[in-house]
């Protein structure tokens, strides 16, 4: 009788991640449940999964979901803080060196709140927030 080897949960997760077309390398709750179901389905009937181990895996799933919620909340807080900071620069004199090497200085009269590239506007010029060298009061 031929017995196929049973993949460990890590191997199953690695195979699922490698075969998925998503850009994320995170283990989602659906994949976690598939792994747990595979473990239960393919367990040795003479040595079933320990209840403590199963509870541990369910608590890991719960922790994963809670951490994702916290991550989403932190991203929201970060975006709000960045927007508030940008709004606080309006009316202040700012000196910035743009990526092309040009130094601009003047009163900030507007901001552009792109998530990945927040910018300040001085007259008709714009500069990335990370390029700000100096901020002076009104």
C-alpha atoms as a PDB file:
ATOM      1  CA  UNK A   1       0.000   0.000   0.000  1.00  0.00           C
ATOM      2  CA  UNK A   2       1.387   3.393  -0.985  1.00  0.00           C
ATOM      3  CA  UNK A   3       1.007   6.280   1.418  1.00  0.00           C
ATOM      4  CA  UNK A   4       1.280   9.848   0.154  1.00  0.00           C
ATOM      5  CA  UNK A   5       3.120  12.147   2.459  1.00  0.00           C
ATOM      6  CA  UNK A   6       1.039  14.699   4.322  1.00  0.00           C
ATOM      7  CA  UNK A   7       2.170  18.292   4.032  1.00  0.00           C
ATOM      8  CA  UNK A   8       2.697  20.280   7.182  1.00  0.00           C
ATOM      9  CA  UNK A   9       0.605  23.382   7.705  1.00  0.00           C
ATOM     10  CA  UNK A  10       3.633  25.525   6.806  1.00  0.00           C
ATOM     11  CA  UNK A  11       4.082  23.683   3.501  1.00  0.00           C
ATOM     12  CA  UNK A  12       0.374  24.047   2.702  1.00  0.00           C
ATOM     13  CA  UNK A  13       0.545  27.765   3.493  1.00  0.00           C
ATOM     14  CA  UNK A  14       3.660  28.158   1.353  1.00  0.00           C
ATOM     15  CA  UNK A  15       2.032  26.301  -1.547  1.00  0.00           C
ATOM     16  CA  UNK A  16      -1.158  28.345  -1.271  1.00  0.00           C
ATOM     17  CA  UNK A  17       0.830  31.580  -1.149  1.00  0.00           C
ATOM     18  CA  UNK A  18       3.017  30.566  -4.084  1.00  0.00           C
ATOM     19  CA  UNK A  19       0.009  29.526  -6.154  1.00  0.00           C
ATOM     20  CA  UNK A  20      -2.128  32.573  -5.423  1.00  0.00           C
ATOM     21  CA  UNK A  21      -2.176  35.538  -7.752  1.00  0.00           C
ATOM     22  CA  UNK A  22      -2.384  38.095  -4.970  1.00  0.00           C
ATOM     23  CA  UNK A  23       0.442  40.538  -4.337  1.00  0.00           C
ATOM     24  CA  UNK A  24       0.136  40.024  -0.588  1.00  0.00           C
ATOM     25  CA  UNK A  25       2.274  37.557   1.324  1.00  0.00           C
ATOM     26  CA  UNK A  26      -0.072  37.625   4.312  1.00  0.00           C
ATOM     27  CA  UNK A  27      -1.857  34.542   5.548  1.00  0.00           C
ATOM     28  CA  UNK A  28      -5.554  35.384   5.528  1.00  0.00           C
ATOM     29  CA  UNK A  29      -8.292  33.914   7.683  1.00  0.00           C
ATOM     30  CA  UNK A  30      -9.616  31.866   4.747  1.00  0.00           C
ATOM     31  CA  UNK A  31      -6.218  30.251   4.207  1.00  0.00           C
ATOM     32  CA  UNK A  32      -5.853  29.709   7.943  1.00  0.00           C
ATOM     33  CA  UNK A  33      -9.191  27.889   8.058  1.00  0.00           C
ATOM     34  CA  UNK A  34      -8.212  25.786   5.022  1.00  0.00           C
ATOM     35  CA  UNK A  35      -5.015  24.745   6.793  1.00  0.00           C
ATOM     36  CA  UNK A  36      -6.897  23.874   9.969  1.00  0.00           C
ATOM     37  CA  UNK A  37      -9.488  21.903   7.990  1.00  0.00           C
ATOM     38  CA  UNK A  38      -6.716  20.045   6.146  1.00  0.00           C
ATOM     39  CA  UNK A  39      -5.083  19.190   9.457  1.00  0.00           C
ATOM     40  CA  UNK A  40      -8.362  17.869  10.858  1.00  0.00           C
ATOM     41  CA  UNK A  41      -9.164  15.936   7.684  1.00  0.00           C
ATOM     42  CA  UNK A  42      -5.747  14.301   7.381  1.00  0.00           C
ATOM     43  CA  UNK A  43      -5.012  13.665  11.040  1.00  0.00           C
ATOM     44  CA  UNK A  44      -4.087  10.231  12.282  1.00  0.00           C
ATOM     45  CA  UNK A  45      -7.284   8.663  13.710  1.00  0.00           C
ATOM     46  CA  UNK A  46      -5.206   6.828  16.323  1.00  0.00           C
ATOM     47  CA  UNK A  47      -3.603  10.098  17.484  1.00  0.00           C
ATOM     48  CA  UNK A  48      -6.174  12.871  16.935  1.00  0.00           C
ATOM     49  CA  UNK A  49      -5.281  16.548  17.249  1.00  0.00           C
ATOM     50  CA  UNK A  50      -4.910  17.714  20.817  1.00  0.00           C
ATOM     51  CA  UNK A  51      -7.727  19.991  22.041  1.00  0.00           C
ATOM     52  CA  UNK A  52      -5.204  22.451  23.441  1.00  0.00           C
ATOM     53  CA  UNK A  53      -3.477  22.654  20.054  1.00  0.00           C
ATOM     54  CA  UNK A  54      -6.791  23.272  18.304  1.00  0.00           C
ATOM     55  CA  UNK A  55      -7.712  26.019  20.775  1.00  0.00           C
ATOM     56  CA  UNK A  56      -4.280  27.526  20.258  1.00  0.00           C
ATOM     57  CA  UNK A  57      -4.831  27.653  16.510  1.00  0.00           C
ATOM     58  CA  UNK A  58      -8.263  29.236  16.923  1.00  0.00           C
ATOM     59  CA  UNK A  59      -6.775  31.867  19.232  1.00  0.00           C
ATOM     60  CA  UNK A  60      -4.063  32.527  16.627  1.00  0.00           C
ATOM     61  CA  UNK A  61      -6.804  33.090  14.038  1.00  0.00           C
ATOM     62  CA  UNK A  62      -8.563  35.484  16.382  1.00  0.00           C
ATOM     63  CA  UNK A  63      -5.289  37.324  17.040  1.00  0.00           C
ATOM     64  CA  UNK A  64      -4.659  37.585  13.306  1.00  0.00           C
ATOM     65  CA  UNK A  65      -8.062  39.162  12.738  1.00  0.00           C
ATOM     66  CA  UNK A  66      -7.582  41.586  15.631  1.00  0.00           C
ATOM     67  CA  UNK A  67      -4.129  42.612  14.376  1.00  0.00           C
ATOM     68  CA  UNK A  68      -5.554  43.308  10.932  1.00  0.00           C
ATOM     69  CA  UNK A  69      -8.196  45.518  12.509  1.00  0.00           C
ATOM     70  CA  UNK A  70      -5.533  47.386  14.477  1.00  0.00           C
ATOM     71  CA  UNK A  71      -3.427  47.773  11.323  1.00  0.00           C
ATOM     72  CA  UNK A  72      -6.371  49.282   9.440  1.00  0.00           C
ATOM     73  CA  UNK A  73      -7.097  51.652  12.334  1.00  0.00           C
ATOM     74  CA  UNK A  74      -3.462  52.745  12.521  1.00  0.00           C
ATOM     75  CA  UNK A  75      -3.387  53.476   8.786  1.00  0.00           C
ATOM     76  CA  UNK A  76      -6.492  55.651   9.200  1.00  0.00           C
ATOM     77  CA  UNK A  77      -4.986  57.511  12.161  1.00  0.00           C
ATOM     78  CA  UNK A  78      -1.754  58.029  10.234  1.00  0.00           C
ATOM     79  CA  UNK A  79      -3.625  59.486   7.243  1.00  0.00           C
ATOM     80  CA  UNK A  80      -5.630  61.837   9.483  1.00  0.00           C
ATOM     81  CA  UNK A  81      -2.461  62.980  11.293  1.00  0.00           C
ATOM     82  CA  UNK A  82      -0.686  63.613   8.005  1.00  0.00           C
ATOM     83  CA  UNK A  83      -3.618  65.625   6.661  1.00  0.00           C
ATOM     84  CA  UNK A  84      -3.800  67.659   9.875  1.00  0.00           C
ATOM     85  CA  UNK A  85      -0.067  68.348   9.706  1.00  0.00           C
ATOM     86  CA  UNK A  86      -0.314  69.437   6.073  1.00  0.00           C
ATOM     87  CA  UNK A  87      -3.224  71.739   6.853  1.00  0.00           C
ATOM     88  CA  UNK A  88      -1.148  73.266   9.658  1.00  0.00           C
ATOM     89  CA  UNK A  89       1.522  74.274   7.135  1.00  0.00           C
ATOM     90  CA  UNK A  90      -0.876  76.527   5.210  1.00  0.00           C
ATOM     91  CA  UNK A  91       0.138  80.147   5.791  1.00  0.00           C
ATOM     92  CA  UNK A  92       3.639  79.275   7.022  1.00  0.00           C
ATOM     93  CA  UNK A  93       6.870  80.064   5.227  1.00  0.00           C
ATOM     94  CA  UNK A  94       8.528  76.878   4.077  1.00  0.00           C
ATOM     95  CA  UNK A  95      11.843  76.132   2.397  1.00  0.00           C
ATOM     96  CA  UNK A  96      12.070  72.889   0.406  1.00  0.00           C
ATOM     97  CA  UNK A  97      14.504  71.280  -1.989  1.00  0.00           C
ATOM     98  CA  UNK A  98      12.673  69.433  -4.731  1.00  0.00           C
ATOM     99  CA  UNK A  99      13.882  66.176  -6.260  1.00  0.00           C
ATOM    100  CA  UNK A 100      15.230  68.091  -9.278  1.00  0.00           C
ATOM    101  CA  UNK A 101      17.523  70.068  -6.936  1.00  0.00           C
ATOM    102  CA  UNK A 102      15.576  73.329  -7.148  1.00  0.00           C
ATOM    103  CA  UNK A 103      15.089  75.087  -3.816  1.00  0.00           C
ATOM    104  CA  UNK A 104      11.766  76.827  -3.367  1.00  0.00           C
ATOM    105  CA  UNK A 105      10.775  79.078  -0.511  1.00  0.00           C
ATOM    106  CA  UNK A 106       7.582  80.896   0.224  1.00  0.00           C
ATOM    107  CA  UNK A 107       4.256  80.856   2.015  1.00  0.00           C
ATOM    108  CA  UNK A 108       2.330  77.597   1.671  1.00  0.00           C
ATOM    109  CA  UNK A 109      -1.004  78.410   0.075  1.00  0.00           C
ATOM    110  CA  UNK A 110      -2.254  74.863  -0.420  1.00  0.00           C
ATOM    111  CA  UNK A 111      -1.565  71.191   0.071  1.00  0.00           C
ATOM    112  CA  UNK A 112      -2.091  68.047  -1.974  1.00  0.00           C
ATOM    113  CA  UNK A 113      -3.050  65.091   0.207  1.00  0.00           C
ATOM    114  CA  UNK A 114      -2.108  62.091  -1.886  1.00  0.00           C
ATOM    115  CA  UNK A 115      -1.660  59.010   0.307  1.00  0.00           C
ATOM    116  CA  UNK A 116       1.739  58.025  -1.061  1.00  0.00           C
ATOM    117  CA  UNK A 117       3.010  61.475  -1.993  1.00  0.00           C
ATOM    118  CA  UNK A 118       1.722  64.416   0.082  1.00  0.00           C
ATOM    119  CA  UNK A 119       2.820  67.772  -1.307  1.00  0.00           C
ATOM    120  CA  UNK A 120       2.802  71.434  -0.396  1.00  0.00           C
ATOM    121  CA  UNK A 121       2.018  74.194  -2.886  1.00  0.00           C
ATOM    122  CA  UNK A 122       3.861  77.506  -2.870  1.00  0.00           C
ATOM    123  CA  UNK A 123       2.381  79.679  -5.600  1.00  0.00           C
ATOM    124  CA  UNK A 124       2.599  77.599  -8.761  1.00  0.00           C
ATOM    125  CA  UNK A 125       5.375  75.328  -7.420  1.00  0.00           C
ATOM    126  CA  UNK A 126       4.889  72.090  -5.536  1.00  0.00           C
ATOM    127  CA  UNK A 127       7.258  70.085  -3.344  1.00  0.00           C
ATOM    128  CA  UNK A 128       6.973  66.734  -1.636  1.00  0.00           C
ATOM    129  CA  UNK A 129       6.472  66.874   2.102  1.00  0.00           C
ATOM    130  CA  UNK A 130       9.651  64.843   2.657  1.00  0.00           C
ATOM    131  CA  UNK A 131      11.634  67.523   0.802  1.00  0.00           C
ATOM    132  CA  UNK A 132      10.809  70.269   3.334  1.00  0.00           C
ATOM    133  CA  UNK A 133      14.012  71.657   4.843  1.00  0.00           C
ATOM    134  CA  UNK A 134      12.729  74.476   7.032  1.00  0.00           C
ATOM    135  CA  UNK A 135       9.425  75.729   8.401  1.00  0.00           C
ATOM    136  CA  UNK A 136       9.025  79.276   9.717  1.00  0.00           C
ATOM    137  CA  UNK A 137       6.093  80.752  11.617  1.00  0.00           C
ATOM    138  CA  UNK A 138       3.610  83.122  10.031  1.00  0.00           C
END
